[in-house]
Amino acid sequence: MKIDTQGMSGPVDPNYKGKAQEHKPMMIQPHRLMTPEYVKEMKILINEVLNEREYQRKLRMAYDDPTPPGISYFDTEHFQHPIDEPEPPYEDWSR
């Protein structure tokens, strides 16, 4: 008899006629360069740049009363708060 410390070997009995254990491949979760928080901020930044570009285009094309972009998520002056209070929520101006 042998002691299987890894649980990787099949039955020890040489007379065993049953089905061998099925091998299941390990699942691997891919690693990303950016954290989920960084990805969220990058999406906000990209959308703000596109919205600003669209606003500038509307100004050049003589639209009637184009709406200017709102406060930027990255303009931290508008998101100051006391340490014992949560950060004010960011609301997308285009919604």
Protein backbone atom coordinates (compact mmCIF):
# COMPACT_ATOMS: atom_id res chain seq x y z
CA MET A 1 0.00 0.00 0.00
CA LYS A 2 1.10 3.53 -0.57
CA ILE A 3 -0.01 6.75 1.04
CA ASP A 4 -1.30 9.32 -1.44
CA THR A 5 -0.69 12.76 0.07
CA GLN A 6 -1.67 14.66 -3.08
CA GLY A 7 -4.85 12.82 -3.99
CA MET A 8 -3.60 12.57 -7.58
CA SER A 9 -3.14 8.86 -8.04
CA GLY A 10 -5.76 6.30 -8.94
CA PRO A 11 -6.75 3.27 -6.90
CA VAL A 12 -3.91 1.33 -5.32
CA ASP A 13 -5.57 -2.07 -5.83
CA PRO A 14 -4.05 -3.65 -8.99
CA ASN A 15 -7.24 -5.72 -9.45
CA TYR A 16 -9.50 -2.60 -9.66
CA LYS A 17 -11.65 -2.80 -12.82
CA GLY A 18 -13.68 0.40 -12.41
CA LYS A 19 -13.46 3.66 -14.30
CA ALA A 20 -10.32 5.74 -13.92
CA GLN A 21 -10.65 9.23 -12.48
CA GLU A 22 -11.54 11.88 -15.02
CA HIS A 23 -8.98 14.65 -15.50
CA LYS A 24 -10.50 18.14 -15.41
CA PRO A 25 -8.23 20.98 -16.54
CA MET A 26 -7.65 23.84 -14.14
CA MET A 27 -9.54 27.05 -14.85
CA ILE A 28 -7.33 30.13 -15.18
CA GLN A 29 -8.62 33.67 -14.74
CA PRO A 30 -6.67 36.10 -16.92
CA HIS A 31 -4.79 38.93 -15.23
CA ARG A 32 -5.25 42.45 -16.49
CA LEU A 33 -2.78 45.29 -16.35
CA MET A 34 -5.39 47.70 -14.96
CA THR A 35 -7.46 47.30 -11.82
CA PRO A 36 -11.27 47.49 -12.10
CA GLU A 37 -11.21 50.95 -10.48
CA TYR A 38 -8.66 52.20 -13.01
CA VAL A 39 -10.76 50.81 -15.86
CA LYS A 40 -13.84 52.64 -14.51
CA GLU A 41 -11.91 55.93 -14.36
CA MET A 42 -10.52 55.43 -17.86
CA LYS A 43 -14.03 54.88 -19.24
CA ILE A 44 -15.22 58.06 -17.54
CA LEU A 45 -12.24 59.98 -18.96
CA ILE A 46 -12.79 58.68 -22.50
CA ASN A 47 -16.49 59.54 -22.38
CA GLU A 48 -15.73 63.03 -21.05
CA VAL A 49 -13.27 63.66 -23.88
CA LEU A 50 -15.79 62.47 -26.47
CA ASN A 51 -18.53 64.60 -24.92
CA GLU A 52 -16.28 67.67 -24.94
CA ARG A 53 -15.41 67.02 -28.59
CA GLU A 54 -19.08 66.71 -29.48
CA TYR A 55 -19.85 69.98 -27.65
CA GLN A 56 -17.08 71.79 -29.55
CA ARG A 57 -18.42 70.40 -32.83
CA LYS A 58 -21.92 71.63 -32.01
CA LEU A 59 -20.52 75.10 -31.29
CA ARG A 60 -18.82 75.19 -34.70
CA MET A 61 -21.91 73.94 -36.52
CA ALA A 62 -24.20 76.61 -35.06
CA TYR A 63 -26.57 74.39 -33.10
CA ASP A 64 -29.26 76.22 -31.14
CA ASP A 65 -28.21 76.35 -27.49
CA PRO A 66 -25.82 73.36 -27.16
CA THR A 67 -25.50 72.07 -23.62
CA PRO A 68 -21.97 72.50 -22.24
CA PRO A 69 -20.32 69.50 -20.58
CA GLY A 70 -20.87 69.20 -16.84
CA ILE A 71 -18.32 68.99 -14.05
CA SER A 72 -15.45 66.67 -14.84
CA TYR A 73 -14.91 63.61 -12.65
CA PHE A 74 -11.24 64.56 -12.58
CA ASP A 75 -11.90 68.13 -11.36
CA THR A 76 -11.31 67.21 -7.73
CA GLU A 77 -12.13 70.69 -6.42
CA HIS A 78 -15.83 69.89 -6.85
CA PHE A 79 -15.57 66.58 -5.01
CA GLN A 80 -13.94 67.79 -1.78
CA HIS A 81 -15.58 66.42 1.37
CA PRO A 82 -14.86 66.07 5.11
CA ILE A 83 -13.00 62.95 6.11
CA ASP A 84 -15.96 61.53 8.03
CA GLU A 85 -18.34 61.80 5.03
CA PRO A 86 -18.37 59.75 1.81
CA GLU A 87 -17.28 61.28 -1.48
CA PRO A 88 -20.11 63.02 -3.36
CA PRO A 89 -21.41 60.84 -6.21
CA TYR A 90 -20.36 61.55 -9.76
CA GLU A 91 -23.34 62.11 -12.02
CA ASP A 92 -22.81 61.90 -15.75
CA TRP A 93 -24.04 65.15 -17.30
CA SER A 94 -25.30 63.48 -20.47
CA ARG A 95 -27.94 61.38 -18.71
